[in-house]
Amino acid sequence: MIHLEDIHSLTDFARNTKAYGKKLKKTGRPAILTVNGRAEFIVQDATSYQYLLNMASHMEENMKLDQAIEEMDAGLFHTEKEAMKVLGIKAKKITRIK
């Protein structure tokens, strides 16, 4: 959600970078920077950005898992033997080491 207090001109940001940096770290929210009244840039502190990257990565993994479950439910999967055959992998006999 964008807060009105997080929208600033690029010129003001450039003049008061240190103060904006402190605010970005304190709130954890990004700031939207405008040029001629139009949104042009978004800046945020590194910790908040890393959090977003981590969340996006988790969401991507969840989407892959959801797709795999849907495919499995639809019967679109191979048994282990079928998969090895498709991949051209020969099954090796496993022997125990005593």
N, C-alpha and C. Protein backbone atom coordinates (compact mmCIF):
# COMPACT_ATOMS: atom_id res chain seq x y z
N MET A 1 0.84 -1.17 0.00
CA MET A 1 0.00 0.00 0.00
C MET A 1 0.89 1.24 0.00
N ILE A 2 0.53 2.19 -0.82
CA ILE A 2 1.29 3.44 -0.92
C ILE A 2 0.70 4.47 0.03
N HIS A 3 1.56 5.06 0.82
CA HIS A 3 1.14 6.14 1.72
C HIS A 3 1.50 7.46 1.06
N LEU A 4 0.62 8.44 1.17
CA LEU A 4 0.87 9.74 0.56
C LEU A 4 2.16 10.38 1.08
N GLU A 5 2.48 10.10 2.34
CA GLU A 5 3.70 10.70 2.91
C GLU A 5 4.98 10.06 2.36
N ASP A 6 4.83 9.02 1.56
CA ASP A 6 5.99 8.36 0.96
C ASP A 6 6.23 8.78 -0.49
N ILE A 7 5.52 9.79 -0.95
CA ILE A 7 5.70 10.30 -2.32
C ILE A 7 6.42 11.64 -2.24
N HIS A 8 7.56 11.73 -2.94
CA HIS A 8 8.40 12.93 -2.86
C HIS A 8 8.99 13.23 -4.24
N SER A 9 9.39 14.46 -4.41
CA SER A 9 10.05 14.81 -5.67
C SER A 9 11.50 14.33 -5.62
N LEU A 10 12.01 14.00 -6.78
CA LEU A 10 13.41 13.57 -6.87
C LEU A 10 14.33 14.69 -6.40
N THR A 11 13.97 15.91 -6.71
CA THR A 11 14.78 17.06 -6.29
C THR A 11 14.87 17.14 -4.78
N ASP A 12 13.73 17.00 -4.08
CA ASP A 12 13.73 17.05 -2.62
C ASP A 12 14.53 15.89 -2.04
N PHE A 13 14.38 14.72 -2.65
CA PHE A 13 15.14 13.55 -2.20
C PHE A 13 16.64 13.80 -2.33
N ALA A 14 17.04 14.37 -3.45
CA ALA A 14 18.47 14.66 -3.68
C ALA A 14 19.00 15.67 -2.67
N ARG A 15 18.18 16.64 -2.31
CA ARG A 15 18.62 17.67 -1.35
C ARG A 15 18.70 17.14 0.09
N ASN A 16 17.88 16.14 0.39
CA ASN A 16 17.78 15.65 1.78
C ASN A 16 17.99 14.13 1.86
N THR A 17 18.95 13.64 1.13
CA THR A 17 19.17 12.20 1.04
C THR A 17 19.38 11.54 2.39
N LYS A 18 20.16 12.16 3.25
CA LYS A 18 20.46 11.57 4.56
C LYS A 18 19.18 11.40 5.39
N ALA A 19 18.34 12.41 5.42
CA ALA A 19 17.09 12.35 6.19
C ALA A 19 16.16 11.29 5.60
N TYR A 20 16.10 11.23 4.28
CA TYR A 20 15.25 10.21 3.65
C TYR A 20 15.77 8.81 3.94
N GLY A 21 17.09 8.66 3.95
CA GLY A 21 17.68 7.36 4.27
C GLY A 21 17.28 6.88 5.65
N LYS A 22 17.32 7.78 6.61
CA LYS A 22 16.91 7.43 7.98
C LYS A 22 15.44 7.03 8.02
N LYS A 23 14.60 7.78 7.30
CA LYS A 23 13.17 7.49 7.28
C LYS A 23 12.90 6.14 6.63
N LEU A 24 13.61 5.85 5.53
CA LEU A 24 13.42 4.57 4.84
C LEU A 24 13.76 3.40 5.76
N LYS A 25 14.84 3.53 6.51
CA LYS A 25 15.23 2.46 7.44
C LYS A 25 14.23 2.33 8.58
N LYS A 26 13.76 3.47 9.08
CA LYS A 26 12.84 3.45 10.23
C LYS A 26 11.49 2.83 9.86
N THR A 27 10.92 3.23 8.73
CA THR A 27 9.59 2.77 8.36
C THR A 27 9.61 1.42 7.64
N GLY A 28 10.69 1.15 6.90
CA GLY A 28 10.76 -0.08 6.10
C GLY A 28 9.91 0.00 4.84
N ARG A 29 9.29 1.15 4.61
CA ARG A 29 8.45 1.33 3.42
C ARG A 29 9.26 2.02 2.32
N PRO A 30 8.95 1.71 1.07
CA PRO A 30 9.65 2.39 -0.03
C PRO A 30 9.14 3.82 -0.20
N ALA A 31 9.95 4.64 -0.84
CA ALA A 31 9.54 5.99 -1.19
C ALA A 31 9.40 6.07 -2.70
N ILE A 32 8.38 6.76 -3.14
CA ILE A 32 8.16 6.97 -4.57
C ILE A 32 8.67 8.36 -4.90
N LEU A 33 9.54 8.42 -5.89
CA LEU A 33 10.12 9.70 -6.28
C LEU A 33 9.52 10.14 -7.60
N THR A 34 9.15 11.41 -7.65
CA THR A 34 8.49 11.94 -8.84
C THR A 34 9.41 12.89 -9.59
N VAL A 35 9.18 12.96 -10.90
CA VAL A 35 9.84 13.94 -11.76
C VAL A 35 8.71 14.60 -12.54
N ASN A 36 8.62 15.91 -12.41
CA ASN A 36 7.54 16.67 -13.05
C ASN A 36 6.17 16.12 -12.68
N GLY A 37 6.01 15.71 -11.41
CA GLY A 37 4.72 15.25 -10.91
C GLY A 37 4.36 13.82 -11.25
N ARG A 38 5.22 13.11 -11.95
CA ARG A 38 4.93 11.73 -12.32
C ARG A 38 5.89 10.78 -11.61
N ALA A 39 5.36 9.66 -11.14
CA ALA A 39 6.19 8.66 -10.45
C ALA A 39 7.24 8.14 -11.42
N GLU A 40 8.50 8.18 -11.02
CA GLU A 40 9.60 7.72 -11.88
C GLU A 40 10.48 6.67 -11.21
N PHE A 41 10.65 6.76 -9.90
CA PHE A 41 11.56 5.87 -9.20
C PHE A 41 10.96 5.43 -7.87
N ILE A 42 11.41 4.26 -7.43
CA ILE A 42 11.07 3.78 -6.09
C ILE A 42 12.39 3.44 -5.41
N VAL A 43 12.56 3.92 -4.20
CA VAL A 43 13.77 3.61 -3.43
C VAL A 43 13.36 3.01 -2.10
N GLN A 44 14.20 2.11 -1.60
CA GLN A 44 13.94 1.52 -0.30
C GLN A 44 15.25 1.04 0.31
N ASP A 45 15.22 0.77 1.59
CA ASP A 45 16.43 0.33 2.25
C ASP A 45 16.72 -1.13 1.88
N ALA A 46 17.97 -1.53 2.00
CA ALA A 46 18.42 -2.85 1.56
C ALA A 46 17.74 -3.99 2.30
N THR A 47 17.49 -3.84 3.59
CA THR A 47 16.86 -4.90 4.37
C THR A 47 15.44 -5.18 3.87
N SER A 48 14.69 -4.13 3.61
CA SER A 48 13.32 -4.30 3.10
C SER A 48 13.33 -4.91 1.71
N TYR A 49 14.30 -4.49 0.89
CA TYR A 49 14.40 -5.04 -0.46
C TYR A 49 14.73 -6.53 -0.41
N GLN A 50 15.65 -6.93 0.46
CA GLN A 50 16.00 -8.35 0.59
C GLN A 50 14.80 -9.15 1.05
N TYR A 51 14.01 -8.59 1.95
CA TYR A 51 12.79 -9.26 2.41
C TYR A 51 11.85 -9.51 1.24
N LEU A 52 11.67 -8.51 0.37
CA LEU A 52 10.82 -8.67 -0.80
C LEU A 52 11.35 -9.74 -1.74
N LEU A 53 12.66 -9.78 -1.94
CA LEU A 53 13.27 -10.81 -2.79
C LEU A 53 13.01 -12.20 -2.21
N ASN A 54 13.16 -12.34 -0.90
CA ASN A 54 12.91 -13.63 -0.26
C ASN A 54 11.45 -14.05 -0.40
N MET A 55 10.54 -13.10 -0.22
CA MET A 55 9.11 -13.41 -0.36
C MET A 55 8.79 -13.82 -1.79
N ALA A 56 9.36 -13.13 -2.77
CA ALA A 56 9.12 -13.47 -4.17
C ALA A 56 9.64 -14.86 -4.48
N SER A 57 10.79 -15.21 -3.93
CA SER A 57 11.37 -16.53 -4.14
C SER A 57 10.47 -17.61 -3.55
N HIS A 58 9.97 -17.37 -2.35
CA HIS A 58 9.06 -18.34 -1.71
C HIS A 58 7.78 -18.50 -2.53
N MET A 59 7.26 -17.39 -3.02
CA MET A 59 6.03 -17.45 -3.82
C MET A 59 6.27 -18.24 -5.11
N GLU A 60 7.42 -18.04 -5.72
CA GLU A 60 7.74 -18.77 -6.95
C GLU A 60 7.82 -20.28 -6.68
N GLU A 61 8.45 -20.64 -5.58
CA GLU A 61 8.53 -22.07 -5.21
C GLU A 61 7.14 -22.64 -4.94
N ASN A 62 6.30 -21.87 -4.26
CA ASN A 62 4.93 -22.33 -3.98
C ASN A 62 4.14 -22.52 -5.27
N MET A 63 4.33 -21.63 -6.22
CA MET A 63 3.64 -21.75 -7.50
C MET A 63 4.08 -23.02 -8.23
N LYS A 64 5.38 -23.32 -8.18
CA LYS A 64 5.90 -24.54 -8.81
C LYS A 64 5.31 -25.78 -8.15
N LEU A 65 5.23 -25.76 -6.83
CA LEU A 65 4.65 -26.89 -6.11
C LEU A 65 3.17 -27.05 -6.44
N ASP A 66 2.44 -25.94 -6.50
CA ASP A 66 1.02 -26.00 -6.86
C ASP A 66 0.84 -26.60 -8.25
N GLN A 67 1.68 -26.18 -9.18
CA GLN A 67 1.60 -26.71 -10.55
C GLN A 67 1.90 -28.21 -10.56
N ALA A 68 2.92 -28.62 -9.82
CA ALA A 68 3.28 -30.04 -9.77
C ALA A 68 2.14 -30.87 -9.18
N ILE A 69 1.49 -30.35 -8.16
CA ILE A 69 0.37 -31.06 -7.54
C ILE A 69 -0.79 -31.17 -8.52
N GLU A 70 -1.07 -30.08 -9.24
CA GLU A 70 -2.15 -30.11 -10.25
C GLU A 70 -1.85 -31.15 -11.34
N GLU A 71 -0.59 -31.19 -11.79
CA GLU A 71 -0.20 -32.15 -12.82
C GLU A 71 -0.32 -33.58 -12.30
N MET A 72 0.08 -33.78 -11.06
CA MET A 72 -0.02 -35.11 -10.47
C MET A 72 -1.48 -35.53 -10.34
N ASP A 73 -2.33 -34.61 -9.87
CA ASP A 73 -3.76 -34.91 -9.74
C ASP A 73 -4.39 -35.22 -11.09
N ALA A 74 -3.85 -34.62 -12.16
CA ALA A 74 -4.38 -34.85 -13.51
C ALA A 74 -3.79 -36.10 -14.15
N GLY A 75 -2.90 -36.78 -13.41
CA GLY A 75 -2.29 -38.01 -13.93
C GLY A 75 -1.14 -37.76 -14.87
N LEU A 76 -0.59 -36.55 -14.86
CA LEU A 76 0.51 -36.21 -15.74
C LEU A 76 1.86 -36.41 -15.05
N PHE A 77 2.16 -37.66 -14.75
CA PHE A 77 3.43 -37.95 -14.11
C PHE A 77 3.91 -39.32 -14.56
N HIS A 78 5.18 -39.59 -14.33
CA HIS A 78 5.78 -40.88 -14.66
C HIS A 78 6.16 -41.59 -13.37
N THR A 79 6.11 -42.90 -13.42
CA THR A 79 6.66 -43.66 -12.30
C THR A 79 8.17 -43.50 -12.35
N GLU A 80 8.85 -43.95 -11.32
CA GLU A 80 10.31 -43.84 -11.28
C GLU A 80 10.93 -44.56 -12.48
N LYS A 81 10.46 -45.76 -12.76
CA LYS A 81 11.00 -46.53 -13.88
C LYS A 81 10.75 -45.84 -15.21
N GLU A 82 9.53 -45.29 -15.39
CA GLU A 82 9.22 -44.58 -16.63
C GLU A 82 10.09 -43.34 -16.79
N ALA A 83 10.29 -42.61 -15.72
CA ALA A 83 11.11 -41.41 -15.77
C ALA A 83 12.54 -41.74 -16.14
N MET A 84 13.08 -42.80 -15.56
CA MET A 84 14.46 -43.19 -15.87
C MET A 84 14.57 -43.59 -17.34
N LYS A 85 13.55 -44.25 -17.85
CA LYS A 85 13.56 -44.66 -19.25
C LYS A 85 13.51 -43.43 -20.16
N VAL A 86 12.63 -42.49 -19.85
CA VAL A 86 12.51 -41.26 -20.63
C VAL A 86 13.82 -40.48 -20.63
N LEU A 87 14.47 -40.45 -19.48
CA LEU A 87 15.73 -39.71 -19.35
C LEU A 87 16.93 -40.50 -19.86
N GLY A 88 16.72 -41.75 -20.19
CA GLY A 88 17.82 -42.57 -20.68
C GLY A 88 18.80 -42.98 -19.61
N ILE A 89 18.30 -43.13 -18.40
CA ILE A 89 19.15 -43.52 -17.27
C ILE A 89 18.89 -44.99 -16.98
N LYS A 90 19.97 -45.73 -16.88
CA LYS A 90 19.84 -47.14 -16.54
C LYS A 90 19.85 -47.29 -15.04
N ALA A 91 18.94 -48.12 -14.56
CA ALA A 91 18.87 -48.36 -13.12
C ALA A 91 20.09 -49.17 -12.70
N LYS A 92 20.69 -48.76 -11.64
CA LYS A 92 21.84 -49.47 -11.11
C LYS A 92 21.39 -50.28 -9.90
N LYS A 93 21.90 -51.45 -9.80
CA LYS A 93 21.58 -52.27 -8.65
C LYS A 93 22.35 -51.72 -7.45
N ILE A 94 21.64 -51.52 -6.39
CA ILE A 94 22.26 -50.97 -5.18
C ILE A 94 22.71 -52.13 -4.29
N THR A 95 23.96 -52.10 -3.93
CA THR A 95 24.48 -53.14 -3.04
C THR A 95 24.89 -52.49 -1.73
N ARG A 96 24.70 -53.22 -0.70
CA ARG A 96 25.05 -52.71 0.63
C ARG A 96 26.53 -52.94 0.89
N ILE A 97 27.13 -51.99 1.52
CA ILE A 97 28.52 -52.12 1.94
C ILE A 97 28.50 -52.65 3.36
N LYS A 98 29.22 -53.73 3.57
CA LYS A 98 29.22 -54.32 4.90
C LYS A 98 30.41 -53.90 5.70
